[in-house]
Amino acid sequence: MTNAQLVSVQWGLFLSVVFLLPQLFFRQLTWRGATITVYFSMLAAAVFLPLGGHPSQAVQPVPFQWIADWMRDGDIAFEQMTLNILLFVPLGFLARHFWTMTRRQAVALGFTVSLAIEVAQLSLGHRIFDVDDLMTNTTGALVGYGLAVAFSHAHRVPDRLRLQVRADA
């Protein structure tokens, strides 16, 4: 883990505590609220912190540029792409599991949140607007949605067992 990544994780944990304390103080803290608060705190820290340098390029408009970067720079580009996917898996899971969105809605949410992040990073001027990030983040939301569907199927009580319980009662 790089120093910048470690700083982002520390800030994410700090933001989580800051946003969870009022919920705890006013006795409004639930597992759902805590999960959402921690996820979005960590997401904000990962994409906006640490602040610093100005990239030489503001926009990267070429789809699948990460493949050329991977060939040129080695595994760092592949790791970045993988982390972008993993960063949005929880959003897709939350969209299905907590907010009962359809697959299309979850993908649209992933794309919209990713687009908002990219525009904010471009506006702040410390990161680039990258088309590959939009694609990988949206893919992560889709993967998370798929995992939530699999999770709900794995934990669903079969109808025949549900009927037996009712008949026995």
C-alpha atoms as a PDB file:
ATOM      1  CA  MET A   1       0.000   0.000   0.000  1.00  0.00           C
ATOM      2  CA  THR A   2       1.416   3.367  -0.981  1.00  0.00           C
ATOM      3  CA  ASN A   3       1.659   6.274   1.423  1.00  0.00           C
ATOM      4  CA  ALA A   4      -1.073   8.150  -0.491  1.00  0.00           C
ATOM      5  CA  GLN A   5      -3.413   5.146  -0.224  1.00  0.00           C
ATOM      6  CA  LEU A   6      -2.699   4.845   3.493  1.00  0.00           C
ATOM      7  CA  VAL A   7      -3.508   8.520   3.998  1.00  0.00           C
ATOM      8  CA  SER A   8      -6.779   8.055   2.092  1.00  0.00           C
ATOM      9  CA  VAL A   9      -7.770   5.097   4.275  1.00  0.00           C
ATOM     10  CA  GLN A  10      -6.957   7.070   7.431  1.00  0.00           C
ATOM     11  CA  TRP A  11      -9.031  10.018   6.248  1.00  0.00           C
ATOM     12  CA  GLY A  12     -11.868   7.672   5.288  1.00  0.00           C
ATOM     13  CA  LEU A  13     -11.904   6.178   8.767  1.00  0.00           C
ATOM     14  CA  PHE A  14     -11.774   9.642  10.321  1.00  0.00           C
ATOM     15  CA  LEU A  15     -14.689  10.853   8.169  1.00  0.00           C
ATOM     16  CA  SER A  16     -16.644   7.714   9.042  1.00  0.00           C
ATOM     17  CA  VAL A  17     -16.280   8.422  12.746  1.00  0.00           C
ATOM     18  CA  VAL A  18     -17.174  12.100  12.275  1.00  0.00           C
ATOM     19  CA  PHE A  19     -20.375  11.194  10.405  1.00  0.00           C
ATOM     20  CA  LEU A  20     -21.296   8.240  12.638  1.00  0.00           C
ATOM     21  CA  LEU A  21     -20.982  10.098  15.953  1.00  0.00           C
ATOM     22  CA  PRO A  22     -24.060  12.332  15.456  1.00  0.00           C
ATOM     23  CA  GLN A  23     -26.095   9.269  14.436  1.00  0.00           C
ATOM     24  CA  LEU A  24     -24.924   7.482  17.561  1.00  0.00           C
ATOM     25  CA  PHE A  25     -25.472  10.521  19.777  1.00  0.00           C
ATOM     26  CA  PHE A  26     -29.067  11.002  18.575  1.00  0.00           C
ATOM     27  CA  ARG A  27     -29.717   7.242  18.690  1.00  0.00           C
ATOM     28  CA  GLN A  28     -30.378   7.109  14.970  1.00  0.00           C
ATOM     29  CA  LEU A  29     -27.582   4.671  14.127  1.00  0.00           C
ATOM     30  CA  THR A  30     -28.666   1.557  12.240  1.00  0.00           C
ATOM     31  CA  TRP A  31     -26.648  -1.112  10.410  1.00  0.00           C
ATOM     32  CA  ARG A  32     -27.954   0.243   7.125  1.00  0.00           C
ATOM     33  CA  GLY A  33     -27.041   3.825   8.023  1.00  0.00           C
ATOM     34  CA  ALA A  34     -23.631   2.818   9.322  1.00  0.00           C
ATOM     35  CA  THR A  35     -22.878   0.768   6.191  1.00  0.00           C
ATOM     36  CA  ILE A  36     -23.855   3.600   3.872  1.00  0.00           C
ATOM     37  CA  THR A  37     -21.991   6.207   5.937  1.00  0.00           C
ATOM     38  CA  VAL A  38     -18.764   4.206   6.080  1.00  0.00           C
ATOM     39  CA  TYR A  39     -18.910   3.341   2.361  1.00  0.00           C
ATOM     40  CA  PHE A  40     -19.429   6.918   1.193  1.00  0.00           C
ATOM     41  CA  SER A  41     -16.827   8.253   3.646  1.00  0.00           C
ATOM     42  CA  MET A  42     -14.257   5.784   2.339  1.00  0.00           C
ATOM     43  CA  LEU A  43     -15.295   6.501  -1.272  1.00  0.00           C
ATOM     44  CA  ALA A  44     -14.873  10.256  -0.793  1.00  0.00           C
ATOM     45  CA  ALA A  45     -11.472   9.788   0.831  1.00  0.00           C
ATOM     46  CA  ALA A  46     -10.297   7.407  -1.906  1.00  0.00           C
ATOM     47  CA  VAL A  47     -11.247   9.638  -4.806  1.00  0.00           C
ATOM     48  CA  PHE A  48     -10.520  13.093  -3.407  1.00  0.00           C
ATOM     49  CA  LEU A  49      -7.644  12.613  -0.963  1.00  0.00           C
ATOM     50  CA  PRO A  50      -4.818  13.268  -0.645  1.00  0.00           C
ATOM     51  CA  LEU A  51      -4.987  16.605  -2.375  1.00  0.00           C
ATOM     52  CA  GLY A  52      -1.915  17.574  -4.248  1.00  0.00           C
ATOM     53  CA  GLY A  53      -0.167  17.827  -7.600  1.00  0.00           C
ATOM     54  CA  HIS A  54      -1.635  18.987 -10.846  1.00  0.00           C
ATOM     55  CA  PRO A  55      -1.610  16.424 -13.643  1.00  0.00           C
ATOM     56  CA  SER A  56      -0.070  17.324 -16.986  1.00  0.00           C
ATOM     57  CA  GLN A  57      -3.263  16.199 -18.718  1.00  0.00           C
ATOM     58  CA  ALA A  58      -6.749  17.222 -17.574  1.00  0.00           C
ATOM     59  CA  VAL A  59      -8.877  14.798 -19.602  1.00  0.00           C
ATOM     60  CA  GLN A  60      -8.177  11.269 -20.818  1.00  0.00           C
ATOM     61  CA  PRO A  61     -10.862  10.651 -23.499  1.00  0.00           C
ATOM     62  CA  VAL A  62      -9.531   7.394 -25.017  1.00  0.00           C
ATOM     63  CA  PRO A  63     -11.478   4.257 -24.010  1.00  0.00           C
ATOM     64  CA  PHE A  64      -9.327   1.317 -22.853  1.00  0.00           C
ATOM     65  CA  GLN A  65      -6.234   3.523 -22.528  1.00  0.00           C
ATOM     66  CA  TRP A  66      -5.419   1.541 -19.393  1.00  0.00           C
ATOM     67  CA  ILE A  67      -4.359  -1.387 -21.612  1.00  0.00           C
ATOM     68  CA  ALA A  68      -1.693   0.727 -23.349  1.00  0.00           C
ATOM     69  CA  ASP A  69      -0.676   2.103 -19.946  1.00  0.00           C
ATOM     70  CA  TRP A  70      -0.427  -1.466 -18.628  1.00  0.00           C
ATOM     71  CA  MET A  71       1.861  -2.460 -21.496  1.00  0.00           C
ATOM     72  CA  ARG A  72       4.012   0.640 -20.963  1.00  0.00           C
ATOM     73  CA  ASP A  73       4.022   1.026 -17.166  1.00  0.00           C
ATOM     74  CA  GLY A  74       3.463  -2.516 -15.972  1.00  0.00           C
ATOM     75  CA  ASP A  75       1.073  -3.728 -13.324  1.00  0.00           C
ATOM     76  CA  ILE A  76       0.302  -0.316 -11.800  1.00  0.00           C
ATOM     77  CA  ALA A  77      -2.267   0.443 -14.537  1.00  0.00           C
ATOM     78  CA  PHE A  78      -3.898  -2.967 -14.104  1.00  0.00           C
ATOM     79  CA  GLU A  79      -4.017  -2.513 -10.336  1.00  0.00           C
ATOM     80  CA  GLN A  80      -5.599   0.928 -10.761  1.00  0.00           C
ATOM     81  CA  MET A  81      -8.269  -0.488 -13.068  1.00  0.00           C
ATOM     82  CA  THR A  82      -8.966  -3.355 -10.660  1.00  0.00           C
ATOM     83  CA  LEU A  83      -9.215  -0.986  -7.688  1.00  0.00           C
ATOM     84  CA  ASN A  84     -11.664   1.213  -9.616  1.00  0.00           C
ATOM     85  CA  ILE A  85     -13.899  -1.804 -10.170  1.00  0.00           C
ATOM     86  CA  LEU A  86     -13.629  -2.889  -6.526  1.00  0.00           C
ATOM     87  CA  LEU A  87     -14.375   0.647  -5.319  1.00  0.00           C
ATOM     88  CA  PHE A  88     -17.856   0.543  -6.869  1.00  0.00           C
ATOM     89  CA  VAL A  89     -18.809  -3.058  -6.056  1.00  0.00           C
ATOM     90  CA  PRO A  90     -20.312  -1.974  -2.692  1.00  0.00           C
ATOM     91  CA  LEU A  91     -22.420   0.686  -4.448  1.00  0.00           C
ATOM     92  CA  GLY A  92     -23.977  -1.917  -6.743  1.00  0.00           C
ATOM     93  CA  PHE A  93     -24.547  -4.223  -3.782  1.00  0.00           C
ATOM     94  CA  LEU A  94     -26.209  -1.422  -1.797  1.00  0.00           C
ATOM     95  CA  ALA A  95     -28.345  -0.464  -4.794  1.00  0.00           C
ATOM     96  CA  ARG A  96     -29.824  -3.953  -4.969  1.00  0.00           C
ATOM     97  CA  HIS A  97     -29.783  -5.024  -1.344  1.00  0.00           C
ATOM     98  CA  PHE A  98     -30.774  -1.814   0.484  1.00  0.00           C
ATOM     99  CA  TRP A  99     -32.513   0.278  -2.152  1.00  0.00           C
ATOM    100  CA  THR A 100     -34.060  -2.576  -4.222  1.00  0.00           C
ATOM    101  CA  MET A 101     -33.065  -1.028  -7.531  1.00  0.00           C
ATOM    102  CA  THR A 102     -33.250  -2.834 -10.844  1.00  0.00           C
ATOM    103  CA  ARG A 103     -30.041  -3.737 -12.676  1.00  0.00           C
ATOM    104  CA  ARG A 104     -30.524  -0.818 -15.064  1.00  0.00           C
ATOM    105  CA  GLN A 105     -31.045   1.599 -12.162  1.00  0.00           C
ATOM    106  CA  ALA A 106     -27.964   0.284 -10.341  1.00  0.00           C
ATOM    107  CA  VAL A 107     -25.812   0.680 -13.456  1.00  0.00           C
ATOM    108  CA  ALA A 108     -27.205   4.189 -13.988  1.00  0.00           C
ATOM    109  CA  LEU A 109     -26.442   5.030 -10.343  1.00  0.00           C
ATOM    110  CA  GLY A 110     -22.889   3.717 -10.701  1.00  0.00           C
ATOM    111  CA  PHE A 111     -22.360   5.738 -13.875  1.00  0.00           C
ATOM    112  CA  THR A 112     -23.887   8.885 -12.372  1.00  0.00           C
ATOM    113  CA  VAL A 113     -21.822   8.718  -9.170  1.00  0.00           C
ATOM    114  CA  SER A 114     -18.695   8.016 -11.229  1.00  0.00           C
ATOM    115  CA  LEU A 115     -19.431  10.929 -13.566  1.00  0.00           C
ATOM    116  CA  ALA A 116     -19.983  13.252 -10.597  1.00  0.00           C
ATOM    117  CA  ILE A 117     -16.646  12.162  -9.131  1.00  0.00           C
ATOM    118  CA  GLU A 118     -14.807  12.659 -12.430  1.00  0.00           C
ATOM    119  CA  VAL A 119     -16.309  16.138 -12.914  1.00  0.00           C
ATOM    120  CA  ALA A 120     -15.424  17.077  -9.329  1.00  0.00           C
ATOM    121  CA  GLN A 121     -11.856  15.836  -9.779  1.00  0.00           C
ATOM    122  CA  LEU A 122     -11.565  17.826 -13.005  1.00  0.00           C
ATOM    123  CA  SER A 123     -12.950  20.920 -11.268  1.00  0.00           C
ATOM    124  CA  LEU A 124     -10.560  20.604  -8.347  1.00  0.00           C
ATOM    125  CA  GLY A 125      -7.675  20.168 -10.775  1.00  0.00           C
ATOM    126  CA  HIS A 126      -5.722  17.553  -8.819  1.00  0.00           C
ATOM    127  CA  ARG A 127      -6.859  14.486 -10.764  1.00  0.00           C
ATOM    128  CA  ILE A 128      -7.814  13.813 -14.371  1.00  0.00           C
ATOM    129  CA  PHE A 129     -11.190  13.113 -15.926  1.00  0.00           C
ATOM    130  CA  ASP A 130     -10.699   9.574 -17.241  1.00  0.00           C
ATOM    131  CA  VAL A 131     -13.151   7.744 -19.513  1.00  0.00           C
ATOM    132  CA  ASP A 132     -11.677   4.435 -18.326  1.00  0.00           C
ATOM    133  CA  ASP A 133     -12.664   5.329 -14.761  1.00  0.00           C
ATOM    134  CA  LEU A 134     -16.268   5.816 -15.881  1.00  0.00           C
ATOM    135  CA  MET A 135     -16.254   2.390 -17.537  1.00  0.00           C
ATOM    136  CA  THR A 136     -14.533   0.527 -14.702  1.00  0.00           C
ATOM    137  CA  ASN A 137     -16.562   2.188 -11.950  1.00  0.00           C
ATOM    138  CA  THR A 138     -19.802   1.397 -13.761  1.00  0.00           C
ATOM    139  CA  THR A 139     -18.612  -2.183 -14.241  1.00  0.00           C
ATOM    140  CA  GLY A 140     -17.927  -2.364 -10.498  1.00  0.00           C
ATOM    141  CA  ALA A 141     -21.494  -1.280  -9.734  1.00  0.00           C
ATOM    142  CA  LEU A 142     -22.787  -3.977 -12.096  1.00  0.00           C
ATOM    143  CA  VAL A 143     -20.590  -6.626 -10.428  1.00  0.00           C
ATOM    144  CA  GLY A 144     -21.838  -5.505  -6.998  1.00  0.00           C
ATOM    145  CA  TYR A 145     -25.423  -5.758  -8.188  1.00  0.00           C
ATOM    146  CA  GLY A 146     -24.732  -9.291  -9.437  1.00  0.00           C
ATOM    147  CA  LEU A 147     -23.206 -10.244  -6.096  1.00  0.00           C
ATOM    148  CA  ALA A 148     -26.274  -8.880  -4.280  1.00  0.00           C
ATOM    149  CA  VAL A 149     -28.560 -10.948  -6.509  1.00  0.00           C
ATOM    150  CA  ALA A 150     -26.458 -14.048  -5.800  1.00  0.00           C
ATOM    151  CA  PHE A 151     -26.485 -13.217  -2.079  1.00  0.00           C
ATOM    152  CA  SER A 152     -30.275 -12.856  -2.017  1.00  0.00           C
ATOM    153  CA  HIS A 153     -30.744 -16.143  -3.908  1.00  0.00           C
ATOM    154  CA  ALA A 154     -28.382 -17.951  -1.547  1.00  0.00           C
ATOM    155  CA  HIS A 155     -30.233 -16.676   1.532  1.00  0.00           C
ATOM    156  CA  ARG A 156     -33.776 -17.084   0.249  1.00  0.00           C
ATOM    157  CA  VAL A 157     -36.011 -19.665   1.879  1.00  0.00           C
ATOM    158  CA  PRO A 158     -37.397 -22.035  -0.779  1.00  0.00           C
ATOM    159  CA  ASP A 159     -41.178 -21.825  -1.248  1.00  0.00           C
ATOM    160  CA  ARG A 160     -41.710 -25.491  -0.335  1.00  0.00           C
ATOM    161  CA  LEU A 161     -40.056 -24.921   3.073  1.00  0.00           C
ATOM    162  CA  ARG A 162     -42.043 -21.753   3.633  1.00  0.00           C
ATOM    163  CA  LEU A 163     -45.265 -23.654   2.937  1.00  0.00           C
ATOM    164  CA  GLN A 164     -44.277 -26.432   5.361  1.00  0.00           C
ATOM    165  CA  VAL A 165     -43.646 -23.918   8.145  1.00  0.00           C
ATOM    166  CA  ARG A 166     -47.100 -22.349   7.588  1.00  0.00           C
ATOM    167  CA  ALA A 167     -48.801 -25.745   7.515  1.00  0.00           C
ATOM    168  CA  ASP A 168     -47.120 -26.789  10.774  1.00  0.00           C
ATOM    169  CA  ALA A 169     -48.081 -23.616  12.584  1.00  0.00           C
END
